[in-house]
Structure formats: structure tokens, C-alpha cells
PDB file of all heavy atoms in Angstrom:
ATOM      1  N   MET A   1    -129.598 -24.216  84.999  1.00  0.00           N
ATOM      2  CA  MET A   1    -129.475 -22.864  85.552  1.00  0.00           C
ATOM      3  C   MET A   1    -128.374 -22.129  84.813  1.00  0.00           C
ATOM      4  O   MET A   1    -127.479 -22.763  84.244  1.00  0.00           O
ATOM      5  CB  MET A   1    -129.181 -22.896  87.056  1.00  0.00           C
ATOM      6  CG  MET A   1    -127.871 -23.571  87.442  1.00  0.00           C
ATOM      7  SD  MET A   1    -127.598 -23.525  89.236  1.00  0.00           S
ATOM      8  CE  MET A   1    -129.019 -24.421  89.805  1.00  0.00           C
ATOM      9  N   PRO A   2    -128.436 -20.802  84.786  1.00  0.00           N
ATOM     10  CA  PRO A   2    -127.403 -20.034  84.087  1.00  0.00           C
ATOM     11  C   PRO A   2    -126.102 -20.011  84.880  1.00  0.00           C
ATOM     12  O   PRO A   2    -126.056 -20.320  86.080  1.00  0.00           O
ATOM     13  CB  PRO A   2    -128.020 -18.639  83.979  1.00  0.00           C
ATOM     14  CG  PRO A   2    -128.944 -18.550  85.145  1.00  0.00           C
ATOM     15  CD  PRO A   2    -129.497 -19.935  85.330  1.00  0.00           C
ATOM     16  N   LEU A   3    -125.039 -19.621  84.196  1.00  0.00           N
ATOM     17  CA  LEU A   3    -123.726 -19.599  84.814  1.00  0.00           C
ATOM     18  C   LEU A   3    -123.686 -18.667  86.026  1.00  0.00           C
ATOM     19  O   LEU A   3    -122.999 -18.958  87.021  1.00  0.00           O
ATOM     20  CB  LEU A   3    -122.686 -19.157  83.776  1.00  0.00           C
ATOM     21  CG  LEU A   3    -121.223 -19.223  84.194  1.00  0.00           C
ATOM     22  CD1 LEU A   3    -120.817 -20.640  84.548  1.00  0.00           C
ATOM     23  CD2 LEU A   3    -120.340 -18.672  83.072  1.00  0.00           C
ATOM     24  N   THR A   4    -124.403 -17.580  85.979  1.00  0.00           N
ATOM     25  CA  THR A   4    -124.445 -16.651  87.112  1.00  0.00           C
ATOM     26  C   THR A   4    -124.907 -17.355  88.382  1.00  0.00           C
ATOM     27  O   THR A   4    -124.322 -17.175  89.456  1.00  0.00           O
ATOM     28  CB  THR A   4    -125.376 -15.467  86.797  1.00  0.00           C
ATOM     29  OG1 THR A   4    -124.833 -14.716  85.718  1.00  0.00           O
ATOM     30  CG2 THR A   4    -125.543 -14.557  88.008  1.00  0.00           C
ATOM     31  N   ASP A   5    -125.956 -18.174  88.272  1.00  0.00           N
ATOM     32  CA  ASP A   5    -126.495 -18.867  89.440  1.00  0.00           C
ATOM     33  C   ASP A   5    -125.529 -19.951  89.927  1.00  0.00           C
ATOM     34  O   ASP A   5    -125.386 -20.167  91.139  1.00  0.00           O
ATOM     35  CB  ASP A   5    -127.851 -19.477  89.114  1.00  0.00           C
ATOM     36  CG  ASP A   5    -128.930 -18.430  88.924  1.00  0.00           C
ATOM     37  OD1 ASP A   5    -128.780 -17.598  88.008  1.00  0.00           O
ATOM     38  OD2 ASP A   5    -129.914 -18.426  89.687  1.00  0.00           O
ATOM     39  N   ILE A   6    -124.893 -20.652  88.990  1.00  0.00           N
ATOM     40  CA  ILE A   6    -123.911 -21.663  89.379  1.00  0.00           C
ATOM     41  C   ILE A   6    -122.807 -21.027  90.222  1.00  0.00           C
ATOM     42  O   ILE A   6    -122.457 -21.512  91.304  1.00  0.00           O
ATOM     43  CB  ILE A   6    -123.313 -22.339  88.132  1.00  0.00           C
ATOM     44  CG1 ILE A   6    -124.374 -23.179  87.417  1.00  0.00           C
ATOM     45  CG2 ILE A   6    -122.111 -23.196  88.499  1.00  0.00           C
ATOM     46  CD1 ILE A   6    -123.924 -23.723  86.073  1.00  0.00           C
ATOM     47  N   CYS A   7    -122.264 -19.906  89.734  1.00  0.00           N
ATOM     48  CA  CYS A   7    -121.170 -19.248  90.443  1.00  0.00           C
ATOM     49  C   CYS A   7    -121.625 -18.644  91.764  1.00  0.00           C
ATOM     50  O   CYS A   7    -120.860 -18.636  92.746  1.00  0.00           O
ATOM     51  CB  CYS A   7    -120.545 -18.183  89.552  1.00  0.00           C
ATOM     52  SG  CYS A   7    -119.780 -18.861  88.054  1.00  0.00           S
ATOM     53  N   ALA A   8    -122.853 -18.154  91.815  1.00  0.00           N
ATOM     54  CA  ALA A   8    -123.376 -17.596  93.060  1.00  0.00           C
ATOM     55  C   ALA A   8    -123.475 -18.667  94.146  1.00  0.00           C
ATOM     56  O   ALA A   8    -123.234 -18.402  95.329  1.00  0.00           O
ATOM     57  CB  ALA A   8    -124.740 -16.955  92.822  1.00  0.00           C
ATOM     58  N   GLU A   9    -123.823 -19.892  93.757  1.00  0.00           N
ATOM     59  CA  GLU A   9    -123.901 -20.979  94.741  1.00  0.00           C
ATOM     60  C   GLU A   9    -122.515 -21.334  95.272  1.00  0.00           C
ATOM     61  O   GLU A   9    -122.368 -21.665  96.459  1.00  0.00           O
ATOM     62  CB  GLU A   9    -124.582 -22.194  94.129  1.00  0.00           C
ATOM     63  CG  GLU A   9    -126.058 -21.956  93.861  1.00  0.00           C
ATOM     64  CD  GLU A   9    -126.816 -23.212  93.475  1.00  0.00           C
ATOM     65  OE1 GLU A   9    -126.182 -24.198  93.049  1.00  0.00           O
ATOM     66  OE2 GLU A   9    -128.057 -23.204  93.613  1.00  0.00           O
ATOM     67  N   PHE A  10    -121.501 -21.256  94.439  1.00  0.00           N
ATOM     68  CA  PHE A  10    -120.138 -21.483  94.929  1.00  0.00           C
ATOM     69  C   PHE A  10    -119.800 -20.476  96.035  1.00  0.00           C
ATOM     70  O   PHE A  10    -119.263 -20.839  97.077  1.00  0.00           O
ATOM     71  CB  PHE A  10    -119.118 -21.336  93.795  1.00  0.00           C
ATOM     72  CG  PHE A  10    -119.245 -22.342  92.685  1.00  0.00           C
ATOM     73  CD1 PHE A  10    -118.709 -22.066  91.434  1.00  0.00           C
ATOM     74  CD2 PHE A  10    -119.899 -23.551  92.868  1.00  0.00           C
ATOM     75  CE1 PHE A  10    -118.796 -22.980  90.397  1.00  0.00           C
ATOM     76  CE2 PHE A  10    -119.996 -24.477  91.826  1.00  0.00           C
ATOM     77  CZ  PHE A  10    -119.452 -24.180  90.597  1.00  0.00           C
ATOM     78  N   ARG A  11    -120.119 -19.227  95.780  1.00  0.00           N
ATOM     79  CA  ARG A  11    -119.800 -18.182  96.761  1.00  0.00           C
ATOM     80  C   ARG A  11    -120.599 -18.377  98.045  1.00  0.00           C
ATOM     81  O   ARG A  11    -120.064 -18.231  99.146  1.00  0.00           O
ATOM     82  CB  ARG A  11    -120.064 -16.805  96.163  1.00  0.00           C
ATOM     83  CG  ARG A  11    -119.689 -15.672  97.121  1.00  0.00           C
ATOM     84  CD  ARG A  11    -119.752 -14.312  96.450  1.00  0.00           C
ATOM     85  NE  ARG A  11    -119.429 -13.260  97.412  1.00  0.00           N
ATOM     86  CZ  ARG A  11    -118.195 -12.889  97.725  1.00  0.00           C
ATOM     87  NH1 ARG A  11    -117.168 -13.484  97.163  1.00  0.00           N
ATOM     88  NH2 ARG A  11    -117.976 -11.928  98.599  1.00  0.00           N
ATOM     89  N   ARG A  12    -121.874 -18.730  97.919  1.00  0.00           N
ATOM     90  CA  ARG A  12    -122.700 -18.958  99.110  1.00  0.00           C
ATOM     91  C   ARG A  12    -122.154 -20.089  99.964  1.00  0.00           C
ATOM     92  O   ARG A  12    -122.297 -20.098 101.196  1.00  0.00           O
ATOM     93  CB  ARG A  12    -124.140 -19.270  98.702  1.00  0.00           C
ATOM     94  CG  ARG A  12    -124.950 -18.069  98.236  1.00  0.00           C
ATOM     95  CD  ARG A  12    -126.304 -18.514  97.729  1.00  0.00           C
ATOM     96  NE  ARG A  12    -127.032 -19.287  98.718  1.00  0.00           N
ATOM     97  CZ  ARG A  12    -128.026 -20.129  98.439  1.00  0.00           C
ATOM     98  NH1 ARG A  12    -128.384 -20.314  97.169  1.00  0.00           N
ATOM     99  NH2 ARG A  12    -128.636 -20.777  99.402  1.00  0.00           N
ATOM    100  N   ALA A  13    -121.513 -21.052  99.317  1.00  0.00           N
ATOM    101  CA  ALA A  13    -120.957 -22.191 100.046  1.00  0.00           C
ATOM    102  C   ALA A  13    -119.573 -21.906 100.618  1.00  0.00           C
ATOM    103  O   ALA A  13    -119.012 -22.748 101.326  1.00  0.00           O
ATOM    104  CB  ALA A  13    -120.889 -23.401  99.122  1.00  0.00           C
ATOM    105  N   GLY A  14    -119.020 -20.743 100.322  1.00  0.00           N
ATOM    106  CA  GLY A  14    -117.725 -20.389 100.880  1.00  0.00           C
ATOM    107  C   GLY A  14    -116.546 -20.663  99.975  1.00  0.00           C
ATOM    108  O   GLY A  14    -115.418 -20.824 100.455  1.00  0.00           O
ATOM    109  N   PHE A  15    -116.782 -20.701  98.665  1.00  0.00           N
ATOM    110  CA  PHE A  15    -115.702 -20.965  97.711  1.00  0.00           C
ATOM    111  C   PHE A  15    -115.458 -19.758  96.810  1.00  0.00           C
ATOM    112  O   PHE A  15    -116.365 -18.968  96.529  1.00  0.00           O
ATOM    113  CB  PHE A  15    -116.043 -22.152  96.817  1.00  0.00           C
ATOM    114  CG  PHE A  15    -115.847 -23.495  97.451  1.00  0.00           C
ATOM    115  CD1 PHE A  15    -116.938 -24.242  97.885  1.00  0.00           C
ATOM    116  CD2 PHE A  15    -114.576 -24.027  97.605  1.00  0.00           C
ATOM    117  CE1 PHE A  15    -116.767 -25.484  98.466  1.00  0.00           C
ATOM    118  CE2 PHE A  15    -114.394 -25.271  98.178  1.00  0.00           C
ATOM    119  CZ  PHE A  15    -115.484 -26.010  98.617  1.00  0.00           C
ATOM    120  N   LEU A  16    -114.220 -19.672  96.328  1.00  0.00           N
ATOM    121  CA  LEU A  16    -113.847 -18.766  95.259  1.00  0.00           C
ATOM    122  C   LEU A  16    -113.437 -19.593  94.048  1.00  0.00           C
ATOM    123  O   LEU A  16    -112.920 -20.707  94.189  1.00  0.00           O
ATOM    124  CB  LEU A  16    -112.679 -17.874  95.685  1.00  0.00           C
ATOM    125  CG  LEU A  16    -112.912 -16.907  96.843  1.00  0.00           C
ATOM    126  CD1 LEU A  16    -111.601 -16.201  97.188  1.00  0.00           C
ATOM    127  CD2 LEU A  16    -113.988 -15.889  96.498  1.00  0.00           C
ATOM    128  N   ILE A  17    -113.649 -19.057  92.855  1.00  0.00           N
ATOM    129  CA  ILE A  17    -113.240 -19.744  91.632  1.00  0.00           C
ATOM    130  C   ILE A  17    -111.767 -19.447  91.370  1.00  0.00           C
ATOM    131  O   ILE A  17    -111.384 -18.305  91.113  1.00  0.00           O
ATOM    132  CB  ILE A  17    -114.096 -19.303  90.437  1.00  0.00           C
ATOM    133  CG1 ILE A  17    -115.560 -19.671  90.670  1.00  0.00           C
ATOM    134  CG2 ILE A  17    -113.586 -19.950  89.145  1.00  0.00           C
ATOM    135  CD1 ILE A  17    -116.497 -19.111  89.620  1.00  0.00           C
ATOM    136  N   ASP A  18    -110.937 -20.484  91.455  1.00  0.00           N
ATOM    137  CA  ASP A  18    -109.521 -20.356  91.156  1.00  0.00           C
ATOM    138  C   ASP A  18    -109.284 -20.478  89.652  1.00  0.00           C
ATOM    139  O   ASP A  18    -108.414 -19.818  89.104  1.00  0.00           O
ATOM    140  CB  ASP A  18    -108.738 -21.437  91.912  1.00  0.00           C
ATOM    141  CG  ASP A  18    -107.244 -21.308  91.733  1.00  0.00           C
ATOM    142  OD1 ASP A  18    -106.720 -20.192  91.908  1.00  0.00           O
ATOM    143  OD2 ASP A  18    -106.595 -22.326  91.417  1.00  0.00           O
ATOM    144  N   GLU A  19    -110.073 -21.343  89.018  1.00  0.00           N
ATOM    145  CA  GLU A  19    -109.955 -21.525  87.565  1.00  0.00           C
ATOM    146  C   GLU A  19    -111.288 -22.009  87.011  1.00  0.00           C
ATOM    147  O   GLU A  19    -111.947 -22.855  87.621  1.00  0.00           O
ATOM    148  CB  GLU A  19    -108.858 -22.530  87.230  1.00  0.00           C
ATOM    149  CG  GLU A  19    -108.550 -22.631  85.742  1.00  0.00           C
ATOM    150  CD  GLU A  19    -107.314 -23.448  85.436  1.00  0.00           C
ATOM    151  OE1 GLU A  19    -106.599 -23.827  86.373  1.00  0.00           O
ATOM    152  OE2 GLU A  19    -107.064 -23.712  84.241  1.00  0.00           O
ATOM    153  N   LEU A  20    -111.674 -21.485  85.878  1.00  0.00           N
ATOM    154  CA  LEU A  20    -112.855 -21.923  85.135  1.00  0.00           C
ATOM    155  C   LEU A  20    -112.374 -22.429  83.787  1.00  0.00           C
ATOM    156  O   LEU A  20    -111.604 -21.754  83.104  1.00  0.00           O
ATOM    157  CB  LEU A  20    -113.845 -20.765  84.961  1.00  0.00           C
ATOM    158  CG  LEU A  20    -115.178 -21.058  84.275  1.00  0.00           C
ATOM    159  CD1 LEU A  20    -116.217 -20.020  84.700  1.00  0.00           C
ATOM    160  CD2 LEU A  20    -115.067 -21.030  82.735  1.00  0.00           C
ATOM    161  N   LEU A  21    -112.837 -23.624  83.425  1.00  0.00           N
ATOM    162  CA  LEU A  21    -112.384 -24.239  82.176  1.00  0.00           C
ATOM    163  C   LEU A  21    -113.573 -24.690  81.340  1.00  0.00           C
ATOM    164  O   LEU A  21    -114.407 -25.467  81.807  1.00  0.00           O
ATOM    165  CB  LEU A  21    -111.497 -25.454  82.493  1.00  0.00           C
ATOM    166  CG  LEU A  21    -111.043 -26.299  81.299  1.00  0.00           C
ATOM    167  CD1 LEU A  21    -110.139 -25.486  80.380  1.00  0.00           C
ATOM    168  CD2 LEU A  21    -110.345 -27.564  81.777  1.00  0.00           C
ATOM    169  N   GLU A  22    -113.663 -24.174  80.114  1.00  0.00           N
ATOM    170  CA  GLU A  22    -114.592 -24.704  79.123  1.00  0.00           C
ATOM    171  C   GLU A  22    -113.769 -25.633  78.237  1.00  0.00           C
ATOM    172  O   GLU A  22    -113.036 -25.165  77.363  1.00  0.00           O
ATOM    173  CB  GLU A  22    -115.230 -23.561  78.341  1.00  0.00           C
ATOM    174  CG  GLU A  22    -116.139 -22.702  79.209  1.00  0.00           C
ATOM    175  CD  GLU A  22    -116.594 -21.435  78.501  1.00  0.00           C
ATOM    176  OE1 GLU A  22    -115.717 -20.665  78.051  1.00  0.00           O
ATOM    177  OE2 GLU A  22    -117.809 -21.223  78.407  1.00  0.00           O
ATOM    178  N   PRO A  23    -113.858 -26.953  78.475  1.00  0.00           N
ATOM    179  CA  PRO A  23    -112.903 -27.874  77.857  1.00  0.00           C
ATOM    180  C   PRO A  23    -112.986 -27.895  76.335  1.00  0.00           C
ATOM    181  O   PRO A  23    -114.045 -27.657  75.744  1.00  0.00           O
ATOM    182  CB  PRO A  23    -113.306 -29.237  78.428  1.00  0.00           C
ATOM    183  CG  PRO A  23    -114.141 -28.941  79.628  1.00  0.00           C
ATOM    184  CD  PRO A  23    -114.812 -27.640  79.338  1.00  0.00           C
ATOM    185  N   ARG A  24    -111.865 -28.208  75.725  1.00  0.00           N
ATOM    186  CA  ARG A  24    -111.806 -28.543  74.307  1.00  0.00           C
ATOM    187  C   ARG A  24    -111.573 -30.050  74.210  1.00  0.00           C
ATOM    188  O   ARG A  24    -110.896 -30.629  75.069  1.00  0.00           O
ATOM    189  CB  ARG A  24    -110.666 -27.801  73.613  1.00  0.00           C
ATOM    190  CG  ARG A  24    -110.756 -26.281  73.702  1.00  0.00           C
ATOM    191  CD  ARG A  24    -111.913 -25.718  72.902  1.00  0.00           C
ATOM    192  NE  ARG A  24    -111.973 -24.276  72.968  1.00  0.00           N
ATOM    193  CZ  ARG A  24    -111.376 -23.467  72.083  1.00  0.00           C
ATOM    194  NH1 ARG A  24    -110.671 -23.968  71.079  1.00  0.00           N
ATOM    195  NH2 ARG A  24    -111.470 -22.159  72.210  1.00  0.00           N
ATOM    196  N   PRO A  25    -112.096 -30.701  73.211  1.00  0.00           N
ATOM    197  CA  PRO A  25    -111.852 -32.140  73.075  1.00  0.00           C
ATOM    198  C   PRO A  25    -110.375 -32.414  72.820  1.00  0.00           C
ATOM    199  O   PRO A  25    -109.697 -31.615  72.170  1.00  0.00           O
ATOM    200  CB  PRO A  25    -112.712 -32.526  71.867  1.00  0.00           C
ATOM    201  CG  PRO A  25    -112.887 -31.254  71.087  1.00  0.00           C
ATOM    202  CD  PRO A  25    -112.922 -30.160  72.110  1.00  0.00           C
ATOM    203  N   VAL A  26    -109.885 -33.540  73.339  1.00  0.00           N
ATOM    204  CA  VAL A  26    -108.477 -33.879  73.113  1.00  0.00           C
ATOM    205  C   VAL A  26    -108.284 -34.227  71.638  1.00  0.00           C
ATOM    206  O   VAL A  26    -109.217 -34.667  70.950  1.00  0.00           O
ATOM    207  CB  VAL A  26    -108.028 -35.041  74.022  1.00  0.00           C
ATOM    208  CG1 VAL A  26    -108.182 -34.654  75.484  1.00  0.00           C
ATOM    209  CG2 VAL A  26    -108.806 -36.307  73.729  1.00  0.00           C
ATOM    210  N   PRO A  27    -107.085 -34.038  71.097  1.00  0.00           N
ATOM    211  CA  PRO A  27    -106.854 -34.250  69.667  1.00  0.00           C
ATOM    212  C   PRO A  27    -107.221 -35.646  69.169  1.00  0.00           C
ATOM    213  O   PRO A  27    -107.676 -35.795  68.030  1.00  0.00           O
ATOM    214  CB  PRO A  27    -105.351 -33.986  69.520  1.00  0.00           C
ATOM    215  CG  PRO A  27    -105.017 -33.055  70.632  1.00  0.00           C
ATOM    216  CD  PRO A  27    -105.895 -33.473  71.767  1.00  0.00           C
ATOM    217  N   GLU A  28    -107.051 -36.673  70.027  1.00  0.00           N
ATOM    218  CA  GLU A  28    -107.352 -38.042  69.594  1.00  0.00           C
ATOM    219  C   GLU A  28    -108.812 -38.213  69.175  1.00  0.00           C
ATOM    220  O   GLU A  28    -109.141 -39.086  68.372  1.00  0.00           O
ATOM    221  CB  GLU A  28    -107.042 -39.033  70.715  1.00  0.00           C
ATOM    222  CG  GLU A  28    -105.605 -39.033  71.188  1.00  0.00           C
ATOM    223  CD  GLU A  28    -105.386 -38.118  72.375  1.00  0.00           C
ATOM    224  OE1 GLU A  28    -105.450 -36.895  72.180  1.00  0.00           O
ATOM    225  OE2 GLU A  28    -105.153 -38.631  73.475  1.00  0.00           O
ATOM    226  N   MET A  29    -109.694 -37.377  69.712  1.00  0.00           N
ATOM    227  CA  MET A  29    -111.108 -37.502  69.380  1.00  0.00           C
ATOM    228  C   MET A  29    -111.367 -37.211  67.903  1.00  0.00           C
ATOM    229  O   MET A  29    -112.320 -37.725  67.319  1.00  0.00           O
ATOM    230  CB  MET A  29    -111.973 -36.590  70.262  1.00  0.00           C
ATOM    231  CG  MET A  29    -113.457 -36.904  70.197  1.00  0.00           C
ATOM    232  SD  MET A  29    -114.537 -35.646  70.927  1.00  0.00           S
ATOM    233  CE  MET A  29    -114.071 -35.719  72.654  1.00  0.00           C
ATOM    234  N   ALA A  30    -110.545 -36.381  67.306  1.00  0.00           N
ATOM    235  CA  ALA A  30    -110.746 -36.039  65.895  1.00  0.00           C
ATOM    236  C   ALA A  30    -110.650 -37.267  65.009  1.00  0.00           C
ATOM    237  O   ALA A  30    -111.320 -37.348  63.972  1.00  0.00           O
ATOM    238  CB  ALA A  30    -109.726 -34.993  65.462  1.00  0.00           C
ATOM    239  N   GLU A  31    -109.833 -38.246  65.405  1.00  0.00           N
ATOM    240  CA  GLU A  31    -109.688 -39.457  64.620  1.00  0.00           C
ATOM    241  C   GLU A  31    -110.734 -40.504  64.988  1.00  0.00           C
ATOM    242  O   GLU A  31    -111.310 -41.143  64.112  1.00  0.00           O
ATOM    243  CB  GLU A  31    -108.284 -40.033  64.820  1.00  0.00           C
ATOM    244  CG  GLU A  31    -107.181 -39.138  64.302  1.00  0.00           C
ATOM    245  CD  GLU A  31    -105.808 -39.777  64.435  1.00  0.00           C
ATOM    246  OE1 GLU A  31    -105.743 -40.973  64.803  1.00  0.00           O
ATOM    247  OE2 GLU A  31    -104.814 -39.095  64.173  1.00  0.00           O
ATOM    248  N   SER A  32    -110.974 -40.683  66.303  1.00  0.00           N
ATOM    249  CA  SER A  32    -111.871 -41.756  66.726  1.00  0.00           C
ATOM    250  C   SER A  32    -113.345 -41.367  66.645  1.00  0.00           C
ATOM    251  O   SER A  32    -114.200 -42.210  66.370  1.00  0.00           O
ATOM    252  CB  SER A  32    -111.536 -42.183  68.161  1.00  0.00           C
ATOM    253  OG  SER A  32    -111.683 -41.092  69.061  1.00  0.00           O
ATOM    254  N   HIS A  33    -113.670 -40.080  66.879  1.00  0.00           N
ATOM    255  CA  HIS A  33    -115.065 -39.614  66.864  1.00  0.00           C
ATOM    256  C   HIS A  33    -115.104 -38.227  66.220  1.00  0.00           C
ATOM    257  O   HIS A  33    -115.276 -37.212  66.904  1.00  0.00           O
ATOM    258  CB  HIS A  33    -115.627 -39.542  68.294  1.00  0.00           C
ATOM    259  CG  HIS A  33    -115.656 -40.856  69.003  1.00  0.00           C
ATOM    260  ND1 HIS A  33    -114.551 -41.372  69.665  1.00  0.00           N
ATOM    261  CD2 HIS A  33    -116.658 -41.766  69.150  1.00  0.00           C
ATOM    262  CE1 HIS A  33    -114.876 -42.534  70.201  1.00  0.00           C
ATOM    263  NE2 HIS A  33    -116.141 -42.801  69.903  1.00  0.00           N
ATOM    264  N   PRO A  34    -114.928 -38.151  64.899  1.00  0.00           N
ATOM    265  CA  PRO A  34    -114.804 -36.843  64.239  1.00  0.00           C
ATOM    266  C   PRO A  34    -116.030 -35.955  64.401  1.00  0.00           C
ATOM    267  O   PRO A  34    -115.886 -34.727  64.535  1.00  0.00           O
ATOM    268  CB  PRO A  34    -114.560 -37.203  62.774  1.00  0.00           C
ATOM    269  CG  PRO A  34    -115.006 -38.628  62.628  1.00  0.00           C
ATOM    270  CD  PRO A  34    -114.772 -39.265  63.951  1.00  0.00           C
ATOM    271  N   ASP A  35    -117.233 -36.525  64.391  1.00  0.00           N
ATOM    272  CA  ASP A  35    -118.430 -35.696  64.540  1.00  0.00           C
ATOM    273  C   ASP A  35    -118.499 -35.063  65.928  1.00  0.00           C
ATOM    274  O   ASP A  35    -118.840 -33.880  66.064  1.00  0.00           O
ATOM    275  CB  ASP A  35    -119.690 -36.532  64.280  1.00  0.00           C
ATOM    276  CG  ASP A  35    -119.831 -36.943  62.826  1.00  0.00           C
ATOM    277  OD1 ASP A  35    -119.154 -36.332  61.962  1.00  0.00           O
ATOM    278  OD2 ASP A  35    -120.609 -37.871  62.543  1.00  0.00           O
ATOM    279  N   ASP A  36    -118.201 -35.862  66.968  1.00  0.00           N
ATOM    280  CA  ASP A  36    -118.187 -35.321  68.329  1.00  0.00           C
ATOM    281  C   ASP A  36    -117.105 -34.262  68.470  1.00  0.00           C
ATOM    282  O   ASP A  36    -117.313 -33.227  69.123  1.00  0.00           O
ATOM    283  CB  ASP A  36    -117.959 -36.441  69.343  1.00  0.00           C
ATOM    284  CG  ASP A  36    -119.141 -37.380  69.461  1.00  0.00           C
ATOM    285  OD1 ASP A  36    -120.227 -36.920  69.845  1.00  0.00           O
ATOM    286  OD2 ASP A  36    -118.985 -38.574  69.163  1.00  0.00           O
ATOM    287  N   HIS A  37    -115.950 -34.513  67.887  1.00  0.00           N
ATOM    288  CA  HIS A  37    -114.868 -33.538  67.959  1.00  0.00           C
ATOM    289  C   HIS A  37    -115.272 -32.216  67.320  1.00  0.00           C
ATOM    290  O   HIS A  37    -115.032 -31.130  67.877  1.00  0.00           O
ATOM    291  CB  HIS A  37    -113.618 -34.094  67.268  1.00  0.00           C
ATOM    292  CG  HIS A  37    -112.424 -33.206  67.384  1.00  0.00           C
ATOM    293  ND1 HIS A  37    -112.159 -32.197  66.484  1.00  0.00           N
ATOM    294  CD2 HIS A  37    -111.427 -33.161  68.307  1.00  0.00           C
ATOM    295  CE1 HIS A  37    -111.054 -31.566  66.838  1.00  0.00           C
ATOM    296  NE2 HIS A  37    -110.590 -32.137  67.930  1.00  0.00           N
ATOM    297  N   ALA A  38    -115.918 -32.293  66.167  1.00  0.00           N
ATOM    298  CA  ALA A  38    -116.351 -31.071  65.486  1.00  0.00           C
ATOM    299  C   ALA A  38    -117.384 -30.318  66.311  1.00  0.00           C
ATOM    300  O   ALA A  38    -117.315 -29.087  66.443  1.00  0.00           O
ATOM    301  CB  ALA A  38    -116.921 -31.429  64.115  1.00  0.00           C
ATOM    302  N   SER A  39    -118.330 -31.047  66.898  1.00  0.00           N
ATOM    303  CA  SER A  39    -119.372 -30.414  67.703  1.00  0.00           C
ATOM    304  C   SER A  39    -118.796 -29.759  68.956  1.00  0.00           C
ATOM    305  O   SER A  39    -119.106 -28.603  69.270  1.00  0.00           O
ATOM    306  CB  SER A  39    -120.425 -31.455  68.095  1.00  0.00           C
ATOM    307  OG  SER A  39    -121.387 -30.899  68.968  1.00  0.00           O
ATOM    308  N   LEU A  40    -117.949 -30.495  69.673  1.00  0.00           N
ATOM    309  CA  LEU A  40    -117.388 -29.977  70.923  1.00  0.00           C
ATOM    310  C   LEU A  40    -116.355 -28.887  70.683  1.00  0.00           C
ATOM    311  O   LEU A  40    -116.022 -28.131  71.607  1.00  0.00           O
ATOM    312  CB  LEU A  40    -116.775 -31.122  71.725  1.00  0.00           C
ATOM    313  CG  LEU A  40    -117.779 -32.139  72.280  1.00  0.00           C
ATOM    314  CD1 LEU A  40    -117.055 -33.347  72.854  1.00  0.00           C
ATOM    315  CD2 LEU A  40    -118.671 -31.499  73.335  1.00  0.00           C
ATOM    316  N   SER A  41    -115.847 -28.781  69.484  1.00  0.00           N
ATOM    317  CA  SER A  41    -114.939 -27.690  69.140  1.00  0.00           C
ATOM    318  C   SER A  41    -115.703 -26.396  68.879  1.00  0.00           C
ATOM    319  O   SER A  41    -115.107 -25.310  68.870  1.00  0.00           O
ATOM    320  CB  SER A  41    -114.105 -28.055  67.907  1.00  0.00           C
ATOM    321  OG  SER A  41    -113.263 -29.160  68.174  1.00  0.00           O
ATOM    322  N   ARG A  42    -117.017 -26.524  68.645  1.00  0.00           N
ATOM    323  CA  ARG A  42    -117.848 -25.339  68.406  1.00  0.00           C
ATOM    324  C   ARG A  42    -118.607 -24.898  69.648  1.00  0.00           C
ATOM    325  O   ARG A  42    -118.687 -23.696  69.944  1.00  0.00           O
ATOM    326  CB  ARG A  42    -118.856 -25.625  67.282  1.00  0.00           C
ATOM    327  CG  ARG A  42    -118.266 -25.827  65.906  1.00  0.00           C
ATOM    328  CD  ARG A  42    -119.354 -25.804  64.834  1.00  0.00           C
ATOM    329  NE  ARG A  42    -120.397 -26.792  65.098  1.00  0.00           N
ATOM    330  CZ  ARG A  42    -120.375 -28.045  64.641  1.00  0.00           C
ATOM    331  NH1 ARG A  42    -119.352 -28.462  63.904  1.00  0.00           N
ATOM    332  NH2 ARG A  42    -121.361 -28.881  64.900  1.00  0.00           N
ATOM    333  N   VAL A  43    -119.214 -25.868  70.362  1.00  0.00           N
ATOM    334  CA  VAL A  43    -120.077 -25.570  71.509  1.00  0.00           C
ATOM    335  C   VAL A  43    -119.670 -26.448  72.682  1.00  0.00           C
ATOM    336  O   VAL A  43    -119.637 -27.680  72.548  1.00  0.00           O
ATOM    337  CB  VAL A  43    -121.567 -25.821  71.166  1.00  0.00           C
ATOM    338  CG1 VAL A  43    -122.447 -25.512  72.373  1.00  0.00           C
ATOM    339  CG2 VAL A  43    -121.991 -24.982  69.976  1.00  0.00           C
ATOM    340  N   PRO A  44    -119.369 -25.879  73.843  1.00  0.00           N
ATOM    341  CA  PRO A  44    -118.967 -26.698  74.984  1.00  0.00           C
ATOM    342  C   PRO A  44    -120.148 -27.493  75.539  1.00  0.00           C
ATOM    343  O   PRO A  44    -121.264 -26.974  75.645  1.00  0.00           O
ATOM    344  CB  PRO A  44    -118.462 -25.676  76.002  1.00  0.00           C
ATOM    345  CG  PRO A  44    -119.203 -24.422  75.667  1.00  0.00           C
ATOM    346  CD  PRO A  44    -119.380 -24.437  74.177  1.00  0.00           C
TER     347      PRO A  44
END
């Protein structure tokens, strides 16, 4: 489902969004899994 629908369900359930986070990979991933690090640095 799109982000709009995800957020609408939060509101229907009685919640407000205090923080939204699109994570970045931790730096250690660049050494242990460079391909995953590169991918997750471009697209969440």
C-alpha cells in the first residue's frame, strides 16, 4: 500500500506520527556487505 494509506491507518487507530524515519545503513555495512550498503544508500 502507498504511504498515504499507511499513515491514514495510524490516524484511524488513534495515533499521531511523532517521527518518521527512512533508515540509512550503518557504516559497518559498507565493509561487511558493500553491495547492500550501496543499494540501501540509494533506495530505502
